[in-house]
Amino acid sequence: TGTEVIEDDKKTGRKHFKFIKGPIFANIVLADEINRTPPKTQA
């Protein structure tokens, strides 16, 4: 799905969280060997 990373705001110098989109954010997704990952990830 993606994850949050901490980024520095160059204007304010403060740190903030930014969401980096995962590979599910595509029109066509190939889920290769879906039965090799635990149910939580399949879900």
PDB file of all heavy atoms in Angstrom:
ATOM      1  N   THR A   1       0.811  -1.219   0.000  1.00  0.00           N
ATOM      2  CA  THR A   1       0.000   0.000   0.000  1.00  0.00           C
ATOM      3  C   THR A   1       0.846   1.273   0.000  1.00  0.00           C
ATOM      4  O   THR A   1       0.439   2.298  -0.544  1.00  0.00           O
ATOM      5  CB  THR A   1      -0.920   0.019   1.229  1.00  0.00           C
ATOM      6  OG1 THR A   1      -0.115  -0.052   2.415  1.00  0.00           O
ATOM      7  CG2 THR A   1      -1.874  -1.163   1.205  1.00  0.00           C
ATOM      8  N   GLY A   2       2.003   1.209   0.635  1.00  0.00           N
ATOM      9  CA  GLY A   2       2.846   2.388   0.760  1.00  0.00           C
ATOM     10  C   GLY A   2       3.173   2.653   2.220  1.00  0.00           C
ATOM     11  O   GLY A   2       2.620   2.013   3.123  1.00  0.00           O
ATOM     12  N   THR A   3       4.044   3.586   2.470  1.00  0.00           N
ATOM     13  CA  THR A   3       4.468   3.866   3.837  1.00  0.00           C
ATOM     14  C   THR A   3       4.786   5.345   4.010  1.00  0.00           C
ATOM     15  O   THR A   3       4.990   6.069   3.027  1.00  0.00           O
ATOM     16  CB  THR A   3       5.714   3.028   4.187  1.00  0.00           C
ATOM     17  OG1 THR A   3       6.025   3.171   5.551  1.00  0.00           O
ATOM     18  CG2 THR A   3       6.909   3.439   3.327  1.00  0.00           C
ATOM     19  N   GLU A   4       4.817   5.777   5.276  1.00  0.00           N
ATOM     20  CA  GLU A   4       5.155   7.169   5.575  1.00  0.00           C
ATOM     21  C   GLU A   4       6.648   7.299   5.841  1.00  0.00           C
ATOM     22  O   GLU A   4       7.258   6.443   6.493  1.00  0.00           O
ATOM     23  CB  GLU A   4       4.384   7.658   6.805  1.00  0.00           C
ATOM     24  CG  GLU A   4       2.943   8.038   6.512  1.00  0.00           C
ATOM     25  CD  GLU A   4       2.281   8.724   7.686  1.00  0.00           C
ATOM     26  OE1 GLU A   4       2.675   8.437   8.835  1.00  0.00           O
ATOM     27  OE2 GLU A   4       1.387   9.562   7.466  1.00  0.00           O
ATOM     28  N   VAL A   5       7.233   8.368   5.334  1.00  0.00           N
ATOM     29  CA  VAL A   5       8.640   8.671   5.604  1.00  0.00           C
ATOM     30  C   VAL A   5       8.720  10.090   6.169  1.00  0.00           C
ATOM     31  O   VAL A   5       7.841  10.923   5.947  1.00  0.00           O
ATOM     32  CB  VAL A   5       9.492   8.569   4.315  1.00  0.00           C
ATOM     33  CG1 VAL A   5       9.492   7.148   3.775  1.00  0.00           C
ATOM     34  CG2 VAL A   5       9.000   9.540   3.248  1.00  0.00           C
ATOM     35  N   ILE A   6       9.781  10.338   6.936  1.00  0.00           N
ATOM     36  CA  ILE A   6       9.989  11.673   7.502  1.00  0.00           C
ATOM     37  C   ILE A   6      10.807  12.502   6.524  1.00  0.00           C
ATOM     38  O   ILE A   6      11.849  12.074   6.036  1.00  0.00           O
ATOM     39  CB  ILE A   6      10.721  11.580   8.856  1.00  0.00           C
ATOM     40  CG1 ILE A   6       9.876  10.780   9.846  1.00  0.00           C
ATOM     41  CG2 ILE A   6      11.019  12.967   9.401  1.00  0.00           C
ATOM     42  CD1 ILE A   6      10.549  10.557  11.188  1.00  0.00           C
ATOM     43  N   GLU A   7      10.286  13.705   6.241  1.00  0.00           N
ATOM     44  CA  GLU A   7      10.955  14.601   5.304  1.00  0.00           C
ATOM     45  C   GLU A   7      11.224  15.942   5.965  1.00  0.00           C
ATOM     46  O   GLU A   7      10.467  16.376   6.848  1.00  0.00           O
ATOM     47  CB  GLU A   7      10.076  14.831   4.067  1.00  0.00           C
ATOM     48  CG  GLU A   7      10.424  13.965   2.892  1.00  0.00           C
ATOM     49  CD  GLU A   7       9.762  14.451   1.607  1.00  0.00           C
ATOM     50  OE1 GLU A   7       8.986  15.435   1.667  1.00  0.00           O
ATOM     51  OE2 GLU A   7      10.015  13.862   0.550  1.00  0.00           O
ATOM     52  N   ASP A   8      12.280  16.586   5.536  1.00  0.00           N
ATOM     53  CA  ASP A   8      12.572  17.946   6.001  1.00  0.00           C
ATOM     54  C   ASP A   8      11.893  18.959   5.091  1.00  0.00           C
ATOM     55  O   ASP A   8      11.974  18.860   3.861  1.00  0.00           O
ATOM     56  CB  ASP A   8      14.081  18.208   5.983  1.00  0.00           C
ATOM     57  CG  ASP A   8      14.808  17.434   7.075  1.00  0.00           C
ATOM     58  OD1 ASP A   8      14.246  17.314   8.174  1.00  0.00           O
ATOM     59  OD2 ASP A   8      15.917  16.945   6.816  1.00  0.00           O
ATOM     60  N   ASP A   9      11.191  19.902   5.696  1.00  0.00           N
ATOM     61  CA  ASP A   9      10.605  21.007   4.941  1.00  0.00           C
ATOM     62  C   ASP A   9      11.686  22.068   4.774  1.00  0.00           C
ATOM     63  O   ASP A   9      12.125  22.692   5.743  1.00  0.00           O
ATOM     64  CB  ASP A   9       9.397  21.583   5.692  1.00  0.00           C
ATOM     65  CG  ASP A   9       8.614  22.555   4.821  1.00  0.00           C
ATOM     66  OD1 ASP A   9       9.253  23.304   4.040  1.00  0.00           O
ATOM     67  OD2 ASP A   9       7.380  22.568   4.914  1.00  0.00           O
ATOM     68  N   LYS A  10      12.129  22.283   3.541  1.00  0.00           N
ATOM     69  CA  LYS A  10      13.247  23.200   3.291  1.00  0.00           C
ATOM     70  C   LYS A  10      12.912  24.644   3.653  1.00  0.00           C
ATOM     71  O   LYS A  10      13.790  25.430   4.000  1.00  0.00           O
ATOM     72  CB  LYS A  10      13.662  23.117   1.820  1.00  0.00           C
ATOM     73  CG  LYS A  10      14.248  21.755   1.450  1.00  0.00           C
ATOM     74  CD  LYS A  10      14.655  21.711  -0.017  1.00  0.00           C
ATOM     75  CE  LYS A  10      15.232  20.354  -0.379  1.00  0.00           C
ATOM     76  NZ  LYS A  10      15.609  20.267  -1.808  1.00  0.00           N
ATOM     77  N   LYS A  11      11.631  24.985   3.569  1.00  0.00           N
ATOM     78  CA  LYS A  11      11.244  26.368   3.876  1.00  0.00           C
ATOM     79  C   LYS A  11      11.233  26.639   5.375  1.00  0.00           C
ATOM     80  O   LYS A  11      11.732  27.669   5.839  1.00  0.00           O
ATOM     81  CB  LYS A  11       9.870  26.670   3.281  1.00  0.00           C
ATOM     82  CG  LYS A  11       9.859  26.671   1.756  1.00  0.00           C
ATOM     83  CD  LYS A  11       8.473  27.019   1.234  1.00  0.00           C
ATOM     84  CE  LYS A  11       8.460  27.046  -0.293  1.00  0.00           C
ATOM     85  NZ  LYS A  11       7.113  27.366  -0.816  1.00  0.00           N
ATOM     86  N   THR A  12      10.638  25.709   6.135  1.00  0.00           N
ATOM     87  CA  THR A  12      10.500  25.943   7.587  1.00  0.00           C
ATOM     88  C   THR A  12      11.580  25.269   8.408  1.00  0.00           C
ATOM     89  O   THR A  12      11.791  25.616   9.562  1.00  0.00           O
ATOM     90  CB  THR A  12       9.125  25.455   8.067  1.00  0.00           C
ATOM     91  OG1 THR A  12       9.048  24.030   7.875  1.00  0.00           O
ATOM     92  CG2 THR A  12       8.007  26.118   7.283  1.00  0.00           C
ATOM     93  N   GLY A  13      12.240  24.284   7.807  1.00  0.00           N
ATOM     94  CA  GLY A  13      13.259  23.540   8.550  1.00  0.00           C
ATOM     95  C   GLY A  13      12.670  22.472   9.457  1.00  0.00           C
ATOM     96  O   GLY A  13      13.396  21.782  10.160  1.00  0.00           O
ATOM     97  N   ARG A  14      11.354  22.341   9.455  1.00  0.00           N
ATOM     98  CA  ARG A  14      10.702  21.337  10.297  1.00  0.00           C
ATOM     99  C   ARG A  14      10.573  20.005   9.553  1.00  0.00           C
ATOM    100  O   ARG A  14      10.608  19.949   8.336  1.00  0.00           O
ATOM    101  CB  ARG A  14       9.308  21.826  10.713  1.00  0.00           C
ATOM    102  CG  ARG A  14       9.341  23.054  11.613  1.00  0.00           C
ATOM    103  CD  ARG A  14       7.926  23.451  11.994  1.00  0.00           C
ATOM    104  NE  ARG A  14       7.897  24.601  12.890  1.00  0.00           N
ATOM    105  CZ  ARG A  14       6.800  25.160  13.347  1.00  0.00           C
ATOM    106  NH1 ARG A  14       5.615  24.676  12.984  1.00  0.00           N
ATOM    107  NH2 ARG A  14       6.858  26.204  14.154  1.00  0.00           N
ATOM    108  N   LYS A  15      10.402  18.967  10.354  1.00  0.00           N
ATOM    109  CA  LYS A  15      10.207  17.642   9.783  1.00  0.00           C
ATOM    110  C   LYS A  15       8.710  17.331   9.712  1.00  0.00           C
ATOM    111  O   LYS A  15       7.944  17.755  10.567  1.00  0.00           O
ATOM    112  CB  LYS A  15      10.914  16.583  10.623  1.00  0.00           C
ATOM    113  CG  LYS A  15      12.432  16.740  10.683  1.00  0.00           C
ATOM    114  CD  LYS A  15      13.061  15.622  11.492  1.00  0.00           C
ATOM    115  CE  LYS A  15      14.554  15.828  11.634  1.00  0.00           C
ATOM    116  NZ  LYS A  15      15.247  15.749  10.329  1.00  0.00           N
ATOM    117  N   HIS A  16       8.320  16.599   8.695  1.00  0.00           N
ATOM    118  CA  HIS A  16       6.922  16.193   8.570  1.00  0.00           C
ATOM    119  C   HIS A  16       6.860  14.836   7.880  1.00  0.00           C
ATOM    120  O   HIS A  16       7.818  14.398   7.230  1.00  0.00           O
ATOM    121  CB  HIS A  16       6.121  17.224   7.778  1.00  0.00           C
ATOM    122  CG  HIS A  16       6.521  17.316   6.335  1.00  0.00           C
ATOM    123  ND1 HIS A  16       7.623  18.011   5.913  1.00  0.00           N
ATOM    124  CD2 HIS A  16       5.952  16.788   5.218  1.00  0.00           C
ATOM    125  CE1 HIS A  16       7.732  17.923   4.603  1.00  0.00           C
ATOM    126  NE2 HIS A  16       6.725  17.175   4.153  1.00  0.00           N
ATOM    127  N   PHE A  17       5.709  14.179   8.038  1.00  0.00           N
ATOM    128  CA  PHE A  17       5.519  12.878   7.420  1.00  0.00           C
ATOM    129  C   PHE A  17       4.970  13.029   6.002  1.00  0.00           C
ATOM    130  O   PHE A  17       4.102  13.863   5.739  1.00  0.00           O
ATOM    131  CB  PHE A  17       4.535  12.021   8.240  1.00  0.00           C
ATOM    132  CG  PHE A  17       5.125  11.490   9.517  1.00  0.00           C
ATOM    133  CD1 PHE A  17       4.833  12.092  10.732  1.00  0.00           C
ATOM    134  CD2 PHE A  17       5.979  10.397   9.491  1.00  0.00           C
ATOM    135  CE1 PHE A  17       5.378  11.618  11.907  1.00  0.00           C
ATOM    136  CE2 PHE A  17       6.519   9.903  10.668  1.00  0.00           C
ATOM    137  CZ  PHE A  17       6.218  10.517  11.877  1.00  0.00           C
ATOM    138  N   LYS A  18       5.494  12.195   5.106  1.00  0.00           N
ATOM    139  CA  LYS A  18       5.009  12.184   3.731  1.00  0.00           C
ATOM    140  C   LYS A  18       4.692  10.736   3.348  1.00  0.00           C
ATOM    141  O   LYS A  18       5.491   9.833   3.594  1.00  0.00           O
ATOM    142  CB  LYS A  18       6.057  12.759   2.779  1.00  0.00           C
ATOM    143  CG  LYS A  18       5.596  12.772   1.322  1.00  0.00           C
ATOM    144  CD  LYS A  18       6.673  13.319   0.396  1.00  0.00           C
ATOM    145  CE  LYS A  18       6.216  13.315  -1.057  1.00  0.00           C
ATOM    146  NZ  LYS A  18       7.261  13.800  -1.976  1.00  0.00           N
ATOM    147  N   PHE A  19       3.506  10.528   2.763  1.00  0.00           N
ATOM    148  CA  PHE A  19       3.114   9.186   2.364  1.00  0.00           C
ATOM    149  C   PHE A  19       3.665   8.869   0.973  1.00  0.00           C
ATOM    150  O   PHE A  19       3.431   9.600   0.016  1.00  0.00           O
ATOM    151  CB  PHE A  19       1.587   9.050   2.358  1.00  0.00           C
ATOM    152  CG  PHE A  19       1.106   7.671   1.978  1.00  0.00           C
ATOM    153  CD1 PHE A  19       1.220   6.612   2.866  1.00  0.00           C
ATOM    154  CD2 PHE A  19       0.543   7.440   0.730  1.00  0.00           C
ATOM    155  CE1 PHE A  19       0.780   5.337   2.514  1.00  0.00           C
ATOM    156  CE2 PHE A  19       0.100   6.172   0.377  1.00  0.00           C
ATOM    157  CZ  PHE A  19       0.220   5.126   1.276  1.00  0.00           C
ATOM    158  N   ILE A  20       4.414   7.783   0.884  1.00  0.00           N
ATOM    159  CA  ILE A  20       4.962   7.310  -0.393  1.00  0.00           C
ATOM    160  C   ILE A  20       4.096   6.158  -0.878  1.00  0.00           C
ATOM    161  O   ILE A  20       3.999   5.119  -0.218  1.00  0.00           O
ATOM    162  CB  ILE A  20       6.424   6.853  -0.248  1.00  0.00           C
ATOM    163  CG1 ILE A  20       7.285   7.958   0.356  1.00  0.00           C
ATOM    164  CG2 ILE A  20       6.975   6.409  -1.603  1.00  0.00           C
ATOM    165  CD1 ILE A  20       7.376   9.201  -0.476  1.00  0.00           C
ATOM    166  N   LYS A  21       3.440   6.349  -2.003  1.00  0.00           N
ATOM    167  CA  LYS A  21       2.528   5.326  -2.516  1.00  0.00           C
ATOM    168  C   LYS A  21       3.260   4.047  -2.903  1.00  0.00           C
ATOM    169  O   LYS A  21       4.371   4.088  -3.443  1.00  0.00           O
ATOM    170  CB  LYS A  21       1.767   5.868  -3.727  1.00  0.00           C
ATOM    171  CG  LYS A  21       0.780   6.974  -3.383  1.00  0.00           C
ATOM    172  CD  LYS A  21       0.034   7.452  -4.612  1.00  0.00           C
ATOM    173  CE  LYS A  21      -1.005   8.513  -4.240  1.00  0.00           C
ATOM    174  NZ  LYS A  21      -1.749   8.995  -5.422  1.00  0.00           N
ATOM    175  N   GLY A  22       2.615   2.913  -2.607  1.00  0.00           N
ATOM    176  CA  GLY A  22       3.174   1.612  -2.937  1.00  0.00           C
ATOM    177  C   GLY A  22       2.786   1.142  -4.327  1.00  0.00           C
ATOM    178  O   GLY A  22       2.075   1.843  -5.072  1.00  0.00           O
ATOM    179  N   PRO A  23       3.195  -0.066  -4.693  1.00  0.00           N
ATOM    180  CA  PRO A  23       2.955  -0.573  -6.056  1.00  0.00           C
ATOM    181  C   PRO A  23       1.488  -0.856  -6.382  1.00  0.00           C
ATOM    182  O   PRO A  23       1.164  -1.068  -7.547  1.00  0.00           O
ATOM    183  CB  PRO A  23       3.773  -1.869  -6.096  1.00  0.00           C
ATOM    184  CG  PRO A  23       3.956  -2.266  -4.668  1.00  0.00           C
ATOM    185  CD  PRO A  23       4.024  -0.993  -3.895  1.00  0.00           C
ATOM    186  N   ILE A  24       0.606  -0.853  -5.375  1.00  0.00           N
ATOM    187  CA  ILE A  24      -0.813  -1.074  -5.657  1.00  0.00           C
ATOM    188  C   ILE A  24      -1.415   0.115  -6.410  1.00  0.00           C
ATOM    189  O   ILE A  24      -2.457  -0.001  -7.048  1.00  0.00           O
ATOM    190  CB  ILE A  24      -1.603  -1.336  -4.346  1.00  0.00           C
ATOM    191  CG1 ILE A  24      -2.968  -1.974  -4.680  1.00  0.00           C
ATOM    192  CG2 ILE A  24      -1.787  -0.056  -3.546  1.00  0.00           C
ATOM    193  CD1 ILE A  24      -3.749  -2.427  -3.478  1.00  0.00           C
ATOM    194  N   PHE A  25      -0.730   1.249  -6.378  1.00  0.00           N
ATOM    195  CA  PHE A  25      -1.221   2.447  -7.074  1.00  0.00           C
ATOM    196  C   PHE A  25      -0.817   2.392  -8.555  1.00  0.00           C
ATOM    197  O   PHE A  25       0.017   3.155  -9.031  1.00  0.00           O
ATOM    198  CB  PHE A  25      -0.685   3.713  -6.416  1.00  0.00           C
ATOM    199  CG  PHE A  25      -1.334   4.020  -5.099  1.00  0.00           C
ATOM    200  CD1 PHE A  25      -0.815   3.506  -3.918  1.00  0.00           C
ATOM    201  CD2 PHE A  25      -2.471   4.799  -5.023  1.00  0.00           C
ATOM    202  CE1 PHE A  25      -1.413   3.775  -2.695  1.00  0.00           C
ATOM    203  CE2 PHE A  25      -3.085   5.071  -3.804  1.00  0.00           C
ATOM    204  CZ  PHE A  25      -2.550   4.557  -2.641  1.00  0.00           C
ATOM    205  N   ALA A  26      -1.417   1.449  -9.254  1.00  0.00           N
ATOM    206  CA  ALA A  26      -1.220   1.301 -10.700  1.00  0.00           C
ATOM    207  C   ALA A  26      -2.525   0.814 -11.287  1.00  0.00           C
ATOM    208  O   ALA A  26      -3.399   0.315 -10.572  1.00  0.00           O
ATOM    209  CB  ALA A  26      -0.087   0.312 -10.984  1.00  0.00           C
ATOM    210  N   ASN A  27      -2.687   0.956 -12.588  1.00  0.00           N
ATOM    211  CA  ASN A  27      -3.923   0.493 -13.224  1.00  0.00           C
ATOM    212  C   ASN A  27      -3.980  -1.028 -13.304  1.00  0.00           C
ATOM    213  O   ASN A  27      -5.036  -1.629 -13.142  1.00  0.00           O
ATOM    214  CB  ASN A  27      -4.061   1.080 -14.625  1.00  0.00           C
ATOM    215  CG  ASN A  27      -4.188   2.586 -14.628  1.00  0.00           C
ATOM    216  OD1 ASN A  27      -3.372   3.282 -15.225  1.00  0.00           O
ATOM    217  ND2 ASN A  27      -5.201   3.108 -13.965  1.00  0.00           N
ATOM    218  N   ILE A  28      -2.825  -1.632 -13.577  1.00  0.00           N
ATOM    219  CA  ILE A  28      -2.749  -3.101 -13.644  1.00  0.00           C
ATOM    220  C   ILE A  28      -1.660  -3.571 -12.692  1.00  0.00           C
ATOM    221  O   ILE A  28      -0.516  -3.125 -12.769  1.00  0.00           O
ATOM    222  CB  ILE A  28      -2.460  -3.574 -15.080  1.00  0.00           C
ATOM    223  CG1 ILE A  28      -3.637  -3.219 -16.001  1.00  0.00           C
ATOM    224  CG2 ILE A  28      -2.197  -5.072 -15.112  1.00  0.00           C
ATOM    225  CD1 ILE A  28      -3.491  -3.720 -17.426  1.00  0.00           C
ATOM    226  N   VAL A  29      -2.037  -4.454 -11.783  1.00  0.00           N
ATOM    227  CA  VAL A  29      -1.101  -4.964 -10.770  1.00  0.00           C
ATOM    228  C   VAL A  29      -0.954  -6.467 -10.945  1.00  0.00           C
ATOM    229  O   VAL A  29      -1.946  -7.206 -10.941  1.00  0.00           O
ATOM    230  CB  VAL A  29      -1.605  -4.657  -9.348  1.00  0.00           C
ATOM    231  CG1 VAL A  29      -0.672  -5.259  -8.303  1.00  0.00           C
ATOM    232  CG2 VAL A  29      -1.739  -3.155  -9.131  1.00  0.00           C
ATOM    233  N   LEU A  30       0.287  -6.916 -11.102  1.00  0.00           N
ATOM    234  CA  LEU A  30       0.581  -8.346 -11.133  1.00  0.00           C
ATOM    235  C   LEU A  30       1.001  -8.776  -9.731  1.00  0.00           C
ATOM    236  O   LEU A  30       2.055  -8.377  -9.243  1.00  0.00           O
ATOM    237  CB  LEU A  30       1.693  -8.649 -12.141  1.00  0.00           C
ATOM    238  CG  LEU A  30       2.221 -10.085 -12.149  1.00  0.00           C
ATOM    239  CD1 LEU A  30       1.103 -11.065 -12.499  1.00  0.00           C
ATOM    240  CD2 LEU A  30       3.381 -10.231 -13.114  1.00  0.00           C
ATOM    241  N   ALA A  31       0.159  -9.553  -9.072  1.00  0.00           N
ATOM    242  CA  ALA A  31       0.453 -10.072  -7.731  1.00  0.00           C
ATOM    243  C   ALA A  31       1.051 -11.459  -7.905  1.00  0.00           C
ATOM    244  O   ALA A  31       0.340 -12.462  -7.926  1.00  0.00           O
ATOM    245  CB  ALA A  31      -0.813 -10.114  -6.886  1.00  0.00           C
ATOM    246  N   ASP A  32       2.376 -11.506  -8.046  1.00  0.00           N
ATOM    247  CA  ASP A  32       3.062 -12.748  -8.401  1.00  0.00           C
ATOM    248  C   ASP A  32       3.191 -13.670  -7.201  1.00  0.00           C
ATOM    249  O   ASP A  32       3.741 -13.290  -6.166  1.00  0.00           O
ATOM    250  CB  ASP A  32       4.442 -12.419  -8.983  1.00  0.00           C
ATOM    251  CG  ASP A  32       4.830 -13.377 -10.089  1.00  0.00           C
ATOM    252  OD1 ASP A  32       4.057 -14.319 -10.365  1.00  0.00           O
ATOM    253  OD2 ASP A  32       5.908 -13.202 -10.678  1.00  0.00           O
ATOM    254  N   GLU A  33       2.687 -14.889  -7.341  1.00  0.00           N
ATOM    255  CA  GLU A  33       2.710 -15.917  -6.289  1.00  0.00           C
ATOM    256  C   GLU A  33       2.105 -15.390  -4.987  1.00  0.00           C
ATOM    257  O   GLU A  33       2.747 -15.364  -3.941  1.00  0.00           O
ATOM    258  CB  GLU A  33       4.136 -16.433  -6.074  1.00  0.00           C
ATOM    259  CG  GLU A  33       4.703 -17.141  -7.296  1.00  0.00           C
ATOM    260  CD  GLU A  33       5.984 -17.896  -7.017  1.00  0.00           C
ATOM    261  OE1 GLU A  33       7.038 -17.244  -6.914  1.00  0.00           O
ATOM    262  OE2 GLU A  33       5.934 -19.122  -6.893  1.00  0.00           O
ATOM    263  N   ILE A  34       0.839 -14.991  -5.091  1.00  0.00           N
ATOM    264  CA  ILE A  34       0.124 -14.389  -3.962  1.00  0.00           C
ATOM    265  C   ILE A  34       0.020 -15.340  -2.769  1.00  0.00           C
ATOM    266  O   ILE A  34      -0.109 -14.901  -1.628  1.00  0.00           O
ATOM    267  CB  ILE A  34      -1.276 -13.913  -4.408  1.00  0.00           C
ATOM    268  CG1 ILE A  34      -1.941 -13.058  -3.330  1.00  0.00           C
ATOM    269  CG2 ILE A  34      -2.138 -15.097  -4.811  1.00  0.00           C
ATOM    270  CD1 ILE A  34      -3.245 -12.430  -3.741  1.00  0.00           C
ATOM    271  N   ASN A  35       0.099 -16.641  -3.020  1.00  0.00           N
ATOM    272  CA  ASN A  35      -0.026 -17.609  -1.929  1.00  0.00           C
ATOM    273  C   ASN A  35       1.277 -17.793  -1.144  1.00  0.00           C
ATOM    274  O   ASN A  35       1.348 -18.645  -0.262  1.00  0.00           O
ATOM    275  CB  ASN A  35      -0.503 -18.965  -2.469  1.00  0.00           C
ATOM    276  CG  ASN A  35       0.394 -19.537  -3.555  1.00  0.00           C
ATOM    277  OD1 ASN A  35       1.018 -18.788  -4.307  1.00  0.00           O
ATOM    278  ND2 ASN A  35       0.466 -20.844  -3.656  1.00  0.00           N
ATOM    279  N   ARG A  36       2.294 -16.982  -1.437  1.00  0.00           N
ATOM    280  CA  ARG A  36       3.554 -17.105  -0.693  1.00  0.00           C
ATOM    281  C   ARG A  36       3.694 -16.054   0.408  1.00  0.00           C
ATOM    282  O   ARG A  36       4.734 -15.951   1.048  1.00  0.00           O
ATOM    283  CB  ARG A  36       4.756 -16.998  -1.642  1.00  0.00           C
ATOM    284  CG  ARG A  36       4.808 -18.111  -2.649  1.00  0.00           C
ATOM    285  CD  ARG A  36       6.215 -18.441  -3.102  1.00  0.00           C
ATOM    286  NE  ARG A  36       6.194 -19.640  -3.931  1.00  0.00           N
ATOM    287  CZ  ARG A  36       6.214 -20.883  -3.477  1.00  0.00           C
ATOM    288  NH1 ARG A  36       6.251 -21.090  -2.170  1.00  0.00           N
ATOM    289  NH2 ARG A  36       6.179 -21.907  -4.296  1.00  0.00           N
ATOM    290  N   THR A  37       2.654 -15.265   0.613  1.00  0.00           N
ATOM    291  CA  THR A  37       2.730 -14.223   1.633  1.00  0.00           C
ATOM    292  C   THR A  37       1.629 -14.444   2.670  1.00  0.00           C
ATOM    293  O   THR A  37       0.582 -15.014   2.349  1.00  0.00           O
ATOM    294  CB  THR A  37       2.607 -12.827   0.973  1.00  0.00           C
ATOM    295  OG1 THR A  37       3.190 -11.841   1.807  1.00  0.00           O
ATOM    296  CG2 THR A  37       1.163 -12.472   0.693  1.00  0.00           C
ATOM    297  N   PRO A  38       1.839 -14.019   3.919  1.00  0.00           N
ATOM    298  CA  PRO A  38       0.849 -14.264   4.981  1.00  0.00           C
ATOM    299  C   PRO A  38      -0.485 -13.572   4.721  1.00  0.00           C
ATOM    300  O   PRO A  38      -0.572 -12.609   3.963  1.00  0.00           O
ATOM    301  CB  PRO A  38       1.534 -13.685   6.233  1.00  0.00           C
ATOM    302  CG  PRO A  38       2.987 -13.683   5.924  1.00  0.00           C
ATOM    303  CD  PRO A  38       3.081 -13.423   4.449  1.00  0.00           C
ATOM    304  N   PRO A  39      -1.558 -14.063   5.371  1.00  0.00           N
ATOM    305  CA  PRO A  39      -2.917 -13.520   5.151  1.00  0.00           C
ATOM    306  C   PRO A  39      -3.033 -12.015   5.383  1.00  0.00           C
ATOM    307  O   PRO A  39      -3.807 -11.345   4.699  1.00  0.00           O
ATOM    308  CB  PRO A  39      -3.763 -14.298   6.168  1.00  0.00           C
ATOM    309  CG  PRO A  39      -3.038 -15.584   6.357  1.00  0.00           C
ATOM    310  CD  PRO A  39      -1.587 -15.249   6.238  1.00  0.00           C
ATOM    311  N   LYS A  40      -2.279 -11.473   6.342  1.00  0.00           N
ATOM    312  CA  LYS A  40      -2.364 -10.037   6.626  1.00  0.00           C
ATOM    313  C   LYS A  40      -1.956  -9.210   5.405  1.00  0.00           C
ATOM    314  O   LYS A  40      -2.576  -8.178   5.098  1.00  0.00           O
ATOM    315  CB  LYS A  40      -1.471  -9.692   7.822  1.00  0.00           C
ATOM    316  CG  LYS A  40      -1.606  -8.259   8.315  1.00  0.00           C
ATOM    317  CD  LYS A  40      -0.760  -8.038   9.556  1.00  0.00           C
ATOM    318  CE  LYS A  40      -0.928  -6.614  10.076  1.00  0.00           C
ATOM    319  NZ  LYS A  40      -0.127  -6.376  11.295  1.00  0.00           N
ATOM    320  N   THR A  41      -0.940  -9.672   4.701  1.00  0.00           N
ATOM    321  CA  THR A  41      -0.476  -8.952   3.513  1.00  0.00           C
ATOM    322  C   THR A  41      -1.418  -9.202   2.336  1.00  0.00           C
ATOM    323  O   THR A  41      -1.700  -8.298   1.543  1.00  0.00           O
ATOM    324  CB  THR A  41       0.959  -9.384   3.157  1.00  0.00           C
ATOM    325  OG1 THR A  41       1.800  -9.207   4.303  1.00  0.00           O
ATOM    326  CG2 THR A  41       1.513  -8.564   2.006  1.00  0.00           C
ATOM    327  N   GLN A  42      -1.918 -10.421   2.225  1.00  0.00           N
ATOM    328  CA  GLN A  42      -2.905 -10.717   1.185  1.00  0.00           C
ATOM    329  C   GLN A  42      -4.125  -9.809   1.342  1.00  0.00           C
ATOM    330  O   GLN A  42      -4.675  -9.301   0.362  1.00  0.00           O
ATOM    331  CB  GLN A  42      -3.344 -12.185   1.273  1.00  0.00           C
ATOM    332  CG  GLN A  42      -2.266 -13.175   0.899  1.00  0.00           C
ATOM    333  CD  GLN A  42      -2.705 -14.613   1.155  1.00  0.00           C
ATOM    334  OE1 GLN A  42      -3.746 -14.860   1.765  1.00  0.00           O
ATOM    335  NE2 GLN A  42      -1.911 -15.564   0.702  1.00  0.00           N
ATOM    336  N   ALA A  43      -4.546  -9.589   2.613  1.00  0.00           N
ATOM    337  CA  ALA A  43      -5.737  -8.786   2.896  1.00  0.00           C
ATOM    338  C   ALA A  43      -5.576  -7.343   2.425  1.00  0.00           C
ATOM    339  O   ALA A  43      -6.543  -6.699   2.018  1.00  0.00           O
ATOM    340  CB  ALA A  43      -6.060  -8.816   4.383  1.00  0.00           C
TER     341      ALA A  43
END
